[in-house]
Amino acid sequence: MEKKSYKDLDIYKTAFNLSIEVHGASLLLPKYELYEQGSQIRRSSKSITANIVEGYGRRRYKADFVKFLVYAQASCDETINHLHCIAEIHNKRDELSSLIEKYTVLGKQINKFIIYVSTKWN
């Protein structure tokens, strides 16, 4: 059964909530990082939801839908990379391990959805 809105997609809900969590966490970085790593991680985390939304808007064209889901997957990987960098540079491994794990799970969910759309989407 097709979802009525991108807001019905579990990957969208998860990505949106995580982007809000990352936004708040990024504002706790030292002031000199707010416009460097802070800005980068805020943009990459929000890019995940933006690509899911844009892909869903093009869902009539399966190839476009998949393309934007792949972009979402790449932004998820980028966000994980930024989290690892911040964890190492600012000695926040313990604080960020939960977010890293949540994004890792999200990446797997996006990958499964890409496979679903590729093979079973009308």
PDB file of N, CA and C in Angstrom:
ATOM      1  N   MET A   1       0.839  -1.187   0.000  1.00  0.00           N
ATOM      2  CA  MET A   1       0.000   0.000   0.000  1.00  0.00           C
ATOM      3  C   MET A   1       0.886   1.253   0.000  1.00  0.00           C
ATOM      4  N   GLU A   2       0.607   2.159  -0.902  1.00  0.00           N
ATOM      5  CA  GLU A   2       1.393   3.382  -1.017  1.00  0.00           C
ATOM      6  C   GLU A   2       1.041   4.344   0.119  1.00  0.00           C
ATOM      7  N   LYS A   3       2.052   4.994   0.623  1.00  0.00           N
ATOM      8  CA  LYS A   3       1.864   6.003   1.666  1.00  0.00           C
ATOM      9  C   LYS A   3       1.239   7.239   1.032  1.00  0.00           C
ATOM     10  N   LYS A   4       0.482   7.997   1.829  1.00  0.00           N
ATOM     11  CA  LYS A   4      -0.184   9.184   1.320  1.00  0.00           C
ATOM     12  C   LYS A   4       0.716  10.410   1.326  1.00  0.00           C
ATOM     13  N   SER A   5       1.748  10.369   2.163  1.00  0.00           N
ATOM     14  CA  SER A   5       2.653  11.506   2.294  1.00  0.00           C
ATOM     15  C   SER A   5       4.039  11.002   2.694  1.00  0.00           C
ATOM     16  N   TYR A   6       5.049  11.770   2.368  1.00  0.00           N
ATOM     17  CA  TYR A   6       6.400  11.434   2.831  1.00  0.00           C
ATOM     18  C   TYR A   6       6.453  11.376   4.351  1.00  0.00           C
ATOM     19  N   LYS A   7       5.552  12.114   5.005  1.00  0.00           N
ATOM     20  CA  LYS A   7       5.517  12.118   6.467  1.00  0.00           C
ATOM     21  C   LYS A   7       5.101  10.764   7.037  1.00  0.00           C
ATOM     22  N   ASP A   8       4.532   9.892   6.196  1.00  0.00           N
ATOM     23  CA  ASP A   8       4.148   8.551   6.623  1.00  0.00           C
ATOM     24  C   ASP A   8       5.318   7.566   6.572  1.00  0.00           C
ATOM     25  N   LEU A   9       6.415   7.958   5.939  1.00  0.00           N
ATOM     26  CA  LEU A   9       7.570   7.065   5.814  1.00  0.00           C
ATOM     27  C   LEU A   9       8.352   7.023   7.129  1.00  0.00           C
ATOM     28  N   ASP A  10       8.619   5.828   7.610  1.00  0.00           N
ATOM     29  CA  ASP A  10       9.392   5.683   8.850  1.00  0.00           C
ATOM     30  C   ASP A  10      10.772   6.313   8.722  1.00  0.00           C
ATOM     31  N   ILE A  11      11.406   6.167   7.546  1.00  0.00           N
ATOM     32  CA  ILE A  11      12.747   6.759   7.387  1.00  0.00           C
ATOM     33  C   ILE A  11      12.687   8.280   7.472  1.00  0.00           C
ATOM     34  N   TYR A  12      11.605   8.874   6.988  1.00  0.00           N
ATOM     35  CA  TYR A  12      11.462  10.325   7.103  1.00  0.00           C
ATOM     36  C   TYR A  12      11.307  10.725   8.575  1.00  0.00           C
ATOM     37  N   LYS A  13      10.417  10.041   9.277  1.00  0.00           N
ATOM     38  CA  LYS A  13      10.174  10.372  10.689  1.00  0.00           C
ATOM     39  C   LYS A  13      11.462  10.275  11.496  1.00  0.00           C
ATOM     40  N   THR A  14      12.198   9.187  11.292  1.00  0.00           N
ATOM     41  CA  THR A  14      13.448   8.990  12.028  1.00  0.00           C
ATOM     42  C   THR A  14      14.465  10.059  11.661  1.00  0.00           C
ATOM     43  N   ALA A  15      14.640  10.296  10.361  1.00  0.00           N
ATOM     44  CA  ALA A  15      15.615  11.288   9.912  1.00  0.00           C
ATOM     45  C   ALA A  15      15.270  12.682  10.423  1.00  0.00           C
ATOM     46  N   PHE A  16      13.994  13.026  10.406  1.00  0.00           N
ATOM     47  CA  PHE A  16      13.580  14.344  10.885  1.00  0.00           C
ATOM     48  C   PHE A  16      13.907  14.504  12.367  1.00  0.00           C
ATOM     49  N   ASN A  17      13.519  13.511  13.166  1.00  0.00           N
ATOM     50  CA  ASN A  17      13.783  13.595  14.609  1.00  0.00           C
ATOM     51  C   ASN A  17      15.284  13.647  14.910  1.00  0.00           C
ATOM     52  N   LEU A  18      16.059  12.870  14.166  1.00  0.00           N
ATOM     53  CA  LEU A  18      17.511  12.907  14.370  1.00  0.00           C
ATOM     54  C   LEU A  18      18.100  14.249  13.962  1.00  0.00           C
ATOM     55  N   SER A  19      17.571  14.863  12.918  1.00  0.00           N
ATOM     56  CA  SER A  19      18.099  16.169  12.496  1.00  0.00           C
ATOM     57  C   SER A  19      17.842  17.228  13.572  1.00  0.00           C
ATOM     58  N   ILE A  20      16.716  17.129  14.239  1.00  0.00           N
ATOM     59  CA  ILE A  20      16.425  18.058  15.340  1.00  0.00           C
ATOM     60  C   ILE A  20      17.394  17.813  16.494  1.00  0.00           C
ATOM     61  N   GLU A  21      17.661  16.542  16.783  1.00  0.00           N
ATOM     62  CA  GLU A  21      18.606  16.197  17.846  1.00  0.00           C
ATOM     63  C   GLU A  21      20.013  16.696  17.504  1.00  0.00           C
ATOM     64  N   VAL A  22      20.446  16.502  16.268  1.00  0.00           N
ATOM     65  CA  VAL A  22      21.769  16.958  15.839  1.00  0.00           C
ATOM     66  C   VAL A  22      21.852  18.483  15.892  1.00  0.00           C
ATOM     67  N   HIS A  23      20.787  19.139  15.476  1.00  0.00           N
ATOM     68  CA  HIS A  23      20.786  20.605  15.506  1.00  0.00           C
ATOM     69  C   HIS A  23      21.071  21.105  16.924  1.00  0.00           C
ATOM     70  N   GLY A  24      20.342  20.567  17.881  1.00  0.00           N
ATOM     71  CA  GLY A  24      20.556  20.974  19.274  1.00  0.00           C
ATOM     72  C   GLY A  24      21.948  20.652  19.774  1.00  0.00           C
ATOM     73  N   ALA A  25      22.430  19.466  19.456  1.00  0.00           N
ATOM     74  CA  ALA A  25      23.771  19.063  19.901  1.00  0.00           C
ATOM     75  C   ALA A  25      24.845  19.936  19.265  1.00  0.00           C
ATOM     76  N   SER A  26      24.645  20.327  18.017  1.00  0.00           N
ATOM     77  CA  SER A  26      25.656  21.133  17.321  1.00  0.00           C
ATOM     78  C   SER A  26      25.798  22.515  17.952  1.00  0.00           C
ATOM     79  N   LEU A  27      24.727  23.011  18.547  1.00  0.00           N
ATOM     80  CA  LEU A  27      24.781  24.331  19.174  1.00  0.00           C
ATOM     81  C   LEU A  27      25.570  24.317  20.478  1.00  0.00           C
ATOM     82  N   LEU A  28      25.908  23.119  20.965  1.00  0.00           N
ATOM     83  CA  LEU A  28      26.707  22.996  22.182  1.00  0.00           C
ATOM     84  C   LEU A  28      28.205  22.929  21.881  1.00  0.00           C
ATOM     85  N   LEU A  29      28.552  22.930  20.610  1.00  0.00           N
ATOM     86  CA  LEU A  29      29.960  22.931  20.230  1.00  0.00           C
ATOM     87  C   LEU A  29      30.600  24.258  20.629  1.00  0.00           C
ATOM     88  N   PRO A  30      31.928  24.279  20.758  1.00  0.00           N
ATOM     89  CA  PRO A  30      32.594  25.559  21.039  1.00  0.00           C
ATOM     90  C   PRO A  30      32.236  26.599  19.972  1.00  0.00           C
ATOM     91  N   LYS A  31      32.234  27.849  20.373  1.00  0.00           N
ATOM     92  CA  LYS A  31      31.792  28.924  19.481  1.00  0.00           C
ATOM     93  C   LYS A  31      32.520  28.902  18.138  1.00  0.00           C
ATOM     94  N   TYR A  32      33.809  28.628  18.162  1.00  0.00           N
ATOM     95  CA  TYR A  32      34.576  28.633  16.911  1.00  0.00           C
ATOM     96  C   TYR A  32      34.167  27.509  15.966  1.00  0.00           C
ATOM     97  N   GLU A  33      33.413  26.514  16.445  1.00  0.00           N
ATOM     98  CA  GLU A  33      32.964  25.408  15.593  1.00  0.00           C
ATOM     99  C   GLU A  33      31.523  25.574  15.094  1.00  0.00           C
ATOM    100  N   LEU A  34      30.796  26.554  15.615  1.00  0.00           N
ATOM    101  CA  LEU A  34      29.393  26.711  15.236  1.00  0.00           C
ATOM    102  C   LEU A  34      29.218  26.902  13.736  1.00  0.00           C
ATOM    103  N   TYR A  35      30.167  27.600  13.107  1.00  0.00           N
ATOM    104  CA  TYR A  35      30.033  27.875  11.671  1.00  0.00           C
ATOM    105  C   TYR A  35      30.925  26.983  10.827  1.00  0.00           C
ATOM    106  N   GLU A  36      31.657  26.102  11.448  1.00  0.00           N
ATOM    107  CA  GLU A  36      32.485  25.146  10.714  1.00  0.00           C
ATOM    108  C   GLU A  36      31.796  23.783  10.791  1.00  0.00           C
ATOM    109  N   GLN A  37      32.234  22.956  11.727  1.00  0.00           N
ATOM    110  CA  GLN A  37      31.654  21.620  11.853  1.00  0.00           C
ATOM    111  C   GLN A  37      30.180  21.665  12.230  1.00  0.00           C
ATOM    112  N   GLY A  38      29.791  22.631  13.029  1.00  0.00           N
ATOM    113  CA  GLY A  38      28.384  22.733  13.426  1.00  0.00           C
ATOM    114  C   GLY A  38      27.480  22.942  12.220  1.00  0.00           C
ATOM    115  N   SER A  39      27.869  23.860  11.360  1.00  0.00           N
ATOM    116  CA  SER A  39      27.089  24.128  10.158  1.00  0.00           C
ATOM    117  C   SER A  39      27.078  22.918   9.230  1.00  0.00           C
ATOM    118  N   GLN A  40      28.215  22.287   9.057  1.00  0.00           N
ATOM    119  CA  GLN A  40      28.322  21.124   8.179  1.00  0.00           C
ATOM    120  C   GLN A  40      27.385  19.999   8.628  1.00  0.00           C
ATOM    121  N   ILE A  41      27.406  19.688   9.919  1.00  0.00           N
ATOM    122  CA  ILE A  41      26.595  18.564  10.395  1.00  0.00           C
ATOM    123  C   ILE A  41      25.108  18.915  10.387  1.00  0.00           C
ATOM    124  N   ARG A  42      24.783  20.174  10.638  1.00  0.00           N
ATOM    125  CA  ARG A  42      23.366  20.567  10.557  1.00  0.00           C
ATOM    126  C   ARG A  42      22.863  20.409   9.128  1.00  0.00           C
ATOM    127  N   ARG A  43      23.674  20.838   8.153  1.00  0.00           N
ATOM    128  CA  ARG A  43      23.249  20.745   6.754  1.00  0.00           C
ATOM    129  C   ARG A  43      23.174  19.304   6.277  1.00  0.00           C
ATOM    130  N   SER A  44      24.148  18.479   6.642  1.00  0.00           N
ATOM    131  CA  SER A  44      24.111  17.088   6.159  1.00  0.00           C
ATOM    132  C   SER A  44      22.950  16.326   6.779  1.00  0.00           C
ATOM    133  N   SER A  45      22.661  16.577   8.061  1.00  0.00           N
ATOM    134  CA  SER A  45      21.553  15.850   8.697  1.00  0.00           C
ATOM    135  C   SER A  45      20.204  16.278   8.120  1.00  0.00           C
ATOM    136  N   LYS A  46      20.060  17.562   7.812  1.00  0.00           N
ATOM    137  CA  LYS A  46      18.808  18.037   7.226  1.00  0.00           C
ATOM    138  C   LYS A  46      18.682  17.648   5.754  1.00  0.00           C
ATOM    139  N   SER A  47      19.808  17.424   5.110  1.00  0.00           N
ATOM    140  CA  SER A  47      19.805  16.986   3.714  1.00  0.00           C
ATOM    141  C   SER A  47      19.166  15.606   3.563  1.00  0.00           C
ATOM    142  N   ILE A  48      19.275  14.786   4.581  1.00  0.00           N
ATOM    143  CA  ILE A  48      18.667  13.452   4.525  1.00  0.00           C
ATOM    144  C   ILE A  48      17.163  13.589   4.331  1.00  0.00           C
ATOM    145  N   THR A  49      16.529  14.383   5.186  1.00  0.00           N
ATOM    146  CA  THR A  49      15.073  14.547   5.074  1.00  0.00           C
ATOM    147  C   THR A  49      14.701  15.252   3.783  1.00  0.00           C
ATOM    148  N   ALA A  50      15.484  16.252   3.393  1.00  0.00           N
ATOM    149  CA  ALA A  50      15.174  16.989   2.162  1.00  0.00           C
ATOM    150  C   ALA A  50      15.195  16.060   0.950  1.00  0.00           C
ATOM    151  N   ASN A  51      16.151  15.156   0.900  1.00  0.00           N
ATOM    152  CA  ASN A  51      16.236  14.234  -0.233  1.00  0.00           C
ATOM    153  C   ASN A  51      15.128  13.189  -0.210  1.00  0.00           C
ATOM    154  N   ILE A  52      14.738  12.752   0.974  1.00  0.00           N
ATOM    155  CA  ILE A  52      13.604  11.827   1.067  1.00  0.00           C
ATOM    156  C   ILE A  52      12.341  12.515   0.549  1.00  0.00           C
ATOM    157  N   VAL A  53      12.137  13.755   0.972  1.00  0.00           N
ATOM    158  CA  VAL A  53      10.956  14.514   0.552  1.00  0.00           C
ATOM    159  C   VAL A  53      10.970  14.734  -0.958  1.00  0.00           C
ATOM    160  N   GLU A  54      12.110  15.172  -1.505  1.00  0.00           N
ATOM    161  CA  GLU A  54      12.162  15.426  -2.941  1.00  0.00           C
ATOM    162  C   GLU A  54      11.978  14.140  -3.740  1.00  0.00           C
ATOM    163  N   GLY A  55      12.593  13.059  -3.280  1.00  0.00           N
ATOM    164  CA  GLY A  55      12.418  11.780  -3.960  1.00  0.00           C
ATOM    165  C   GLY A  55      10.976  11.320  -3.930  1.00  0.00           C
ATOM    166  N   TYR A  56      10.345  11.473  -2.780  1.00  0.00           N
ATOM    167  CA  TYR A  56       8.940  11.078  -2.668  1.00  0.00           C
ATOM    168  C   TYR A  56       8.076  11.903  -3.619  1.00  0.00           C
ATOM    169  N   GLY A  57       8.413  13.172  -3.770  1.00  0.00           N
ATOM    170  CA  GLY A  57       7.672  14.027  -4.686  1.00  0.00           C
ATOM    171  C   GLY A  57       7.800  13.580  -6.142  1.00  0.00           C
ATOM    172  N   ARG A  58       8.849  12.832  -6.435  1.00  0.00           N
ATOM    173  CA  ARG A  58       9.078  12.328  -7.796  1.00  0.00           C
ATOM    174  C   ARG A  58       8.800  10.824  -7.884  1.00  0.00           C
ATOM    175  N   ARG A  59       8.040  10.298  -6.957  1.00  0.00           N
ATOM    176  CA  ARG A  59       7.838   8.856  -6.849  1.00  0.00           C
ATOM    177  C   ARG A  59       7.204   8.215  -8.077  1.00  0.00           C
ATOM    178  N   ARG A  60       6.531   8.999  -8.907  1.00  0.00           N
ATOM    179  CA  ARG A  60       5.969   8.443 -10.148  1.00  0.00           C
ATOM    180  C   ARG A  60       7.068   7.923 -11.063  1.00  0.00           C
ATOM    181  N   TYR A  61       8.243   8.504 -10.901  1.00  0.00           N
ATOM    182  CA  TYR A  61       9.401   8.123 -11.710  1.00  0.00           C
ATOM    183  C   TYR A  61      10.374   7.372 -10.804  1.00  0.00           C
ATOM    184  N   LYS A  62      10.271   6.052 -10.839  1.00  0.00           N
ATOM    185  CA  LYS A  62      11.019   5.215  -9.905  1.00  0.00           C
ATOM    186  C   LYS A  62      12.506   5.568  -9.881  1.00  0.00           C
ATOM    187  N   ALA A  63      13.092   5.797 -11.045  1.00  0.00           N
ATOM    188  CA  ALA A  63      14.533   6.093 -11.103  1.00  0.00           C
ATOM    189  C   ALA A  63      14.863   7.377 -10.335  1.00  0.00           C
ATOM    190  N   ASP A  64      14.001   8.386 -10.445  1.00  0.00           N
ATOM    191  CA  ASP A  64      14.220   9.623  -9.692  1.00  0.00           C
ATOM    192  C   ASP A  64      14.064   9.385  -8.195  1.00  0.00           C
ATOM    193  N   PHE A  65      13.059   8.626  -7.826  1.00  0.00           N
ATOM    194  CA  PHE A  65      12.831   8.315  -6.412  1.00  0.00           C
ATOM    195  C   PHE A  65      14.065   7.626  -5.836  1.00  0.00           C
ATOM    196  N   VAL A  66      14.561   6.628  -6.531  1.00  0.00           N
ATOM    197  CA  VAL A  66      15.747   5.898  -6.067  1.00  0.00           C
ATOM    198  C   VAL A  66      16.956   6.827  -6.000  1.00  0.00           C
ATOM    199  N   LYS A  67      17.111   7.679  -7.014  1.00  0.00           N
ATOM    200  CA  LYS A  67      18.258   8.601  -7.045  1.00  0.00           C
ATOM    201  C   LYS A  67      18.282   9.475  -5.792  1.00  0.00           C
ATOM    202  N   PHE A  68      17.138  10.031  -5.421  1.00  0.00           N
ATOM    203  CA  PHE A  68      17.101  10.899  -4.249  1.00  0.00           C
ATOM    204  C   PHE A  68      17.247  10.116  -2.946  1.00  0.00           C
ATOM    205  N   LEU A  69      16.785   8.875  -2.925  1.00  0.00           N
ATOM    206  CA  LEU A  69      17.023   8.032  -1.747  1.00  0.00           C
ATOM    207  C   LEU A  69      18.513   7.717  -1.608  1.00  0.00           C
ATOM    208  N   VAL A  70      19.187   7.538  -2.717  1.00  0.00           N
ATOM    209  CA  VAL A  70      20.646   7.321  -2.682  1.00  0.00           C
ATOM    210  C   VAL A  70      21.335   8.577  -2.154  1.00  0.00           C
ATOM    211  N   TYR A  71      20.862   9.742  -2.572  1.00  0.00           N
ATOM    212  CA  TYR A  71      21.411  10.991  -2.024  1.00  0.00           C
ATOM    213  C   TYR A  71      21.181  11.060  -0.512  1.00  0.00           C
ATOM    214  N   ALA A  72      19.998  10.641  -0.071  1.00  0.00           N
ATOM    215  CA  ALA A  72      19.710  10.623   1.370  1.00  0.00           C
ATOM    216  C   ALA A  72      20.674   9.686   2.091  1.00  0.00           C
ATOM    217  N   GLN A  73      20.936   8.528   1.483  1.00  0.00           N
ATOM    218  CA  GLN A  73      21.883   7.564   2.055  1.00  0.00           C
ATOM    219  C   GLN A  73      23.270   8.194   2.172  1.00  0.00           C
ATOM    220  N   ALA A  74      23.691   8.895   1.127  1.00  0.00           N
ATOM    221  CA  ALA A  74      25.006   9.537   1.136  1.00  0.00           C
ATOM    222  C   ALA A  74      25.078  10.627   2.209  1.00  0.00           C
ATOM    223  N   SER A  75      24.013  11.394   2.373  1.00  0.00           N
ATOM    224  CA  SER A  75      23.984  12.423   3.417  1.00  0.00           C
ATOM    225  C   SER A  75      24.005  11.799   4.803  1.00  0.00           C
ATOM    226  N   CYS A  76      23.387  10.640   4.940  1.00  0.00           N
ATOM    227  CA  CYS A  76      23.428   9.916   6.215  1.00  0.00           C
ATOM    228  C   CYS A  76      24.870   9.505   6.521  1.00  0.00           C
ATOM    229  N   ASP A  77      25.555   8.971   5.512  1.00  0.00           N
ATOM    230  CA  ASP A  77      26.963   8.595   5.695  1.00  0.00           C
ATOM    231  C   ASP A  77      27.819   9.814   6.036  1.00  0.00           C
ATOM    232  N   GLU A  78      27.533  10.934   5.367  1.00  0.00           N
ATOM    233  CA  GLU A  78      28.274  12.171   5.648  1.00  0.00           C
ATOM    234  C   GLU A  78      28.040  12.616   7.094  1.00  0.00           C
ATOM    235  N   THR A  79      26.811  12.519   7.557  1.00  0.00           N
ATOM    236  CA  THR A  79      26.491  12.907   8.933  1.00  0.00           C
ATOM    237  C   THR A  79      27.235  12.027   9.929  1.00  0.00           C
ATOM    238  N   ILE A  80      27.284  10.736   9.661  1.00  0.00           N
ATOM    239  CA  ILE A  80      28.029   9.820  10.531  1.00  0.00           C
ATOM    240  C   ILE A  80      29.497  10.226  10.571  1.00  0.00           C
ATOM    241  N   ASN A  81      30.053  10.571   9.411  1.00  0.00           N
ATOM    242  CA  ASN A  81      31.449  11.001   9.361  1.00  0.00           C
ATOM    243  C   ASN A  81      31.668  12.256  10.208  1.00  0.00           C
ATOM    244  N   HIS A  82      30.767  13.236  10.087  1.00  0.00           N
ATOM    245  CA  HIS A  82      30.888  14.457  10.890  1.00  0.00           C
ATOM    246  C   HIS A  82      30.796  14.139  12.386  1.00  0.00           C
ATOM    247  N   LEU A  83      29.888  13.242  12.750  1.00  0.00           N
ATOM    248  CA  LEU A  83      29.767  12.851  14.164  1.00  0.00           C
ATOM    249  C   LEU A  83      31.054  12.223  14.674  1.00  0.00           C
ATOM    250  N   HIS A  84      31.653  11.349  13.872  1.00  0.00           N
ATOM    251  CA  HIS A  84      32.929  10.732  14.273  1.00  0.00           C
ATOM    252  C   HIS A  84      34.012  11.794  14.442  1.00  0.00           C
ATOM    253  N   CYS A  85      34.085  12.742  13.513  1.00  0.00           N
ATOM    254  CA  CYS A  85      35.096  13.803  13.610  1.00  0.00           C
ATOM    255  C   CYS A  85      34.904  14.643  14.871  1.00  0.00           C
ATOM    256  N   ILE A  86      33.669  15.050  15.096  1.00  0.00           N
ATOM    257  CA  ILE A  86      33.376  15.860  16.284  1.00  0.00           C
ATOM    258  C   ILE A  86      33.690  15.068  17.550  1.00  0.00           C
ATOM    259  N   ALA A  87      33.331  13.796  17.568  1.00  0.00           N
ATOM    260  CA  ALA A  87      33.597  12.950  18.740  1.00  0.00           C
ATOM    261  C   ALA A  87      35.089  12.886  19.036  1.00  0.00           C
ATOM    262  N   GLU A  88      35.895  12.757  17.998  1.00  0.00           N
ATOM    263  CA  GLU A  88      37.350  12.655  18.188  1.00  0.00           C
ATOM    264  C   GLU A  88      37.975  13.996  18.527  1.00  0.00           C
ATOM    265  N   ILE A  89      37.638  15.021  17.777  1.00  0.00           N
ATOM    266  CA  ILE A  89      38.267  16.336  17.969  1.00  0.00           C
ATOM    267  C   ILE A  89      37.908  16.943  19.314  1.00  0.00           C
ATOM    268  N   HIS A  90      36.660  16.764  19.735  1.00  0.00           N
ATOM    269  CA  HIS A  90      36.187  17.421  20.958  1.00  0.00           C
ATOM    270  C   HIS A  90      36.004  16.454  22.119  1.00  0.00           C
ATOM    271  N   ASN A  91      36.570  15.261  21.966  1.00  0.00           N
ATOM    272  CA  ASN A  91      36.529  14.247  23.030  1.00  0.00           C
ATOM    273  C   ASN A  91      35.095  14.021  23.526  1.00  0.00           C
ATOM    274  N   LYS A  92      34.195  13.773  22.580  1.00  0.00           N
ATOM    275  CA  LYS A  92      32.781  13.557  22.898  1.00  0.00           C
ATOM    276  C   LYS A  92      32.333  12.168  22.449  1.00  0.00           C
ATOM    277  N   ARG A  93      33.244  11.198  22.498  1.00  0.00           N
ATOM    278  CA  ARG A  93      32.920   9.850  22.027  1.00  0.00           C
ATOM    279  C   ARG A  93      31.709   9.272  22.752  1.00  0.00           C
ATOM    280  N   ASP A  94      31.716   9.374  24.071  1.00  0.00           N
ATOM    281  CA  ASP A  94      30.616   8.809  24.855  1.00  0.00           C
ATOM    282  C   ASP A  94      29.298   9.537  24.576  1.00  0.00           C
ATOM    283  N   GLU A  95      29.358  10.854  24.467  1.00  0.00           N
ATOM    284  CA  GLU A  95      28.153  11.653  24.249  1.00  0.00           C
ATOM    285  C   GLU A  95      27.531  11.401  22.880  1.00  0.00           C
ATOM    286  N   LEU A  96      28.372  11.128  21.879  1.00  0.00           N
ATOM    287  CA  LEU A  96      27.871  11.013  20.512  1.00  0.00           C
ATOM    288  C   LEU A  96      27.691   9.576  20.040  1.00  0.00           C
ATOM    289  N   SER A  97      28.098   8.615  20.837  1.00  0.00           N
ATOM    290  CA  SER A  97      27.993   7.214  20.397  1.00  0.00           C
ATOM    291  C   SER A  97      26.543   6.812  20.110  1.00  0.00           C
ATOM    292  N   SER A  98      25.604   7.311  20.885  1.00  0.00           N
ATOM    293  CA  SER A  98      24.195   6.995  20.666  1.00  0.00           C
ATOM    294  C   SER A  98      23.703   7.565  19.331  1.00  0.00           C
ATOM    295  N   LEU A  99      24.072   8.807  19.030  1.00  0.00           N
ATOM    296  CA  LEU A  99      23.673   9.412  17.758  1.00  0.00           C
ATOM    297  C   LEU A  99      24.309   8.673  16.580  1.00  0.00           C
ATOM    298  N   ILE A 100      25.561   8.306  16.725  1.00  0.00           N
ATOM    299  CA  ILE A 100      26.230   7.557  15.658  1.00  0.00           C
ATOM    300  C   ILE A 100      25.495   6.247  15.405  1.00  0.00           C
ATOM    301  N   GLU A 101      25.113   5.569  16.464  1.00  0.00           N
ATOM    302  CA  GLU A 101      24.392   4.299  16.316  1.00  0.00           C
ATOM    303  C   GLU A 101      23.022   4.522  15.666  1.00  0.00           C
ATOM    304  N   LYS A 102      22.320   5.577  16.067  1.00  0.00           N
ATOM    305  CA  LYS A 102      21.004   5.862  15.486  1.00  0.00           C
ATOM    306  C   LYS A 102      21.117   6.152  13.989  1.00  0.00           C
ATOM    307  N   TYR A 103      22.148   6.906  13.610  1.00  0.00           N
ATOM    308  CA  TYR A 103      22.339   7.188  12.184  1.00  0.00           C
ATOM    309  C   TYR A 103      22.777   5.947  11.416  1.00  0.00           C
ATOM    310  N   THR A 104      23.527   5.071  12.057  1.00  0.00           N
ATOM    311  CA  THR A 104      23.913   3.816  11.412  1.00  0.00           C
ATOM    312  C   THR A 104      22.672   2.978  11.122  1.00  0.00           C
ATOM    313  N   VAL A 105      21.773   2.897  12.084  1.00  0.00           N
ATOM    314  CA  VAL A 105      20.515   2.170  11.891  1.00  0.00           C
ATOM    315  C   VAL A 105      19.685   2.839  10.794  1.00  0.00           C
ATOM    316  N   LEU A 106      19.602   4.165  10.815  1.00  0.00           N
ATOM    317  CA  LEU A 106      18.863   4.882   9.773  1.00  0.00           C
ATOM    318  C   LEU A 106      19.443   4.570   8.393  1.00  0.00           C
ATOM    319  N   GLY A 107      20.756   4.547   8.284  1.00  0.00           N
ATOM    320  CA  GLY A 107      21.384   4.226   7.005  1.00  0.00           C
ATOM    321  C   GLY A 107      20.963   2.854   6.498  1.00  0.00           C
ATOM    322  N   LYS A 108      20.887   1.893   7.396  1.00  0.00           N
ATOM    323  CA  LYS A 108      20.432   0.548   7.016  1.00  0.00           C
ATOM    324  C   LYS A 108      18.972   0.569   6.580  1.00  0.00           C
ATOM    325  N   GLN A 109      18.154   1.355   7.269  1.00  0.00           N
ATOM    326  CA  GLN A 109      16.739   1.456   6.906  1.00  0.00           C
ATOM    327  C   GLN A 109      16.565   2.117   5.539  1.00  0.00           C
ATOM    328  N   ILE A 110      17.342   3.154   5.276  1.00  0.00           N
ATOM    329  CA  ILE A 110      17.272   3.805   3.964  1.00  0.00           C
ATOM    330  C   ILE A 110      17.694   2.815   2.881  1.00  0.00           C
ATOM    331  N   ASN A 111      18.754   2.068   3.140  1.00  0.00           N
ATOM    332  CA  ASN A 111      19.225   1.080   2.173  1.00  0.00           C
ATOM    333  C   ASN A 111      18.141   0.042   1.869  1.00  0.00           C
ATOM    334  N   LYS A 112      17.474  -0.452   2.893  1.00  0.00           N
ATOM    335  CA  LYS A 112      16.383  -1.415   2.684  1.00  0.00           C
ATOM    336  C   LYS A 112      15.247  -0.792   1.883  1.00  0.00           C
ATOM    337  N   PHE A 113      14.964   0.484   2.146  1.00  0.00           N
ATOM    338  CA  PHE A 113      13.891   1.153   1.406  1.00  0.00           C
ATOM    339  C   PHE A 113      14.294   1.344  -0.052  1.00  0.00           C
ATOM    340  N   ILE A 114      15.563   1.642  -0.307  1.00  0.00           N
ATOM    341  CA  ILE A 114      16.048   1.754  -1.688  1.00  0.00           C
ATOM    342  C   ILE A 114      15.822   0.432  -2.422  1.00  0.00           C
ATOM    343  N   ILE A 115      16.140  -0.670  -1.768  1.00  0.00           N
ATOM    344  CA  ILE A 115      15.941  -1.979  -2.375  1.00  0.00           C
ATOM    345  C   ILE A 115      14.456  -2.218  -2.637  1.00  0.00           C
ATOM    346  N   TYR A 116      13.617  -1.867  -1.672  1.00  0.00           N
ATOM    347  CA  TYR A 116      12.166  -2.039  -1.827  1.00  0.00           C
ATOM    348  C   TYR A 116      11.655  -1.226  -3.023  1.00  0.00           C
ATOM    349  N   VAL A 117      12.036   0.050  -3.072  1.00  0.00           N
ATOM    350  CA  VAL A 117      11.561   0.905  -4.163  1.00  0.00           C
ATOM    351  C   VAL A 117      12.090   0.376  -5.502  1.00  0.00           C
ATOM    352  N   SER A 118      13.333  -0.061  -5.525  1.00  0.00           N
ATOM    353  CA  SER A 118      13.936  -0.555  -6.762  1.00  0.00           C
ATOM    354  C   SER A 118      13.247  -1.802  -7.292  1.00  0.00           C
ATOM    355  N   THR A 119      12.799  -2.672  -6.390  1.00  0.00           N
ATOM    356  CA  THR A 119      12.275  -3.974  -6.818  1.00  0.00           C
ATOM    357  C   THR A 119      10.761  -4.094  -6.788  1.00  0.00           C
ATOM    358  N   LYS A 120      10.089  -3.350  -5.909  1.00  0.00           N
ATOM    359  CA  LYS A 120       8.661  -3.569  -5.721  1.00  0.00           C
ATOM    360  C   LYS A 120       7.782  -2.355  -5.919  1.00  0.00           C
ATOM    361  N   TRP A 121       8.383  -1.206  -6.156  1.00  0.00           N
ATOM    362  CA  TRP A 121       7.592   0.026  -6.321  1.00  0.00           C
ATOM    363  C   TRP A 121       6.918  -0.002  -7.679  1.00  0.00           C
ATOM    364  N   ASN A 122       5.670   0.427  -7.752  1.00  0.00           N
ATOM    365  CA  ASN A 122       4.915   0.414  -9.019  1.00  0.00           C
ATOM    366  C   ASN A 122       5.521   1.299 -10.065  1.00  0.00           C
TER     367      ASN A 122
END
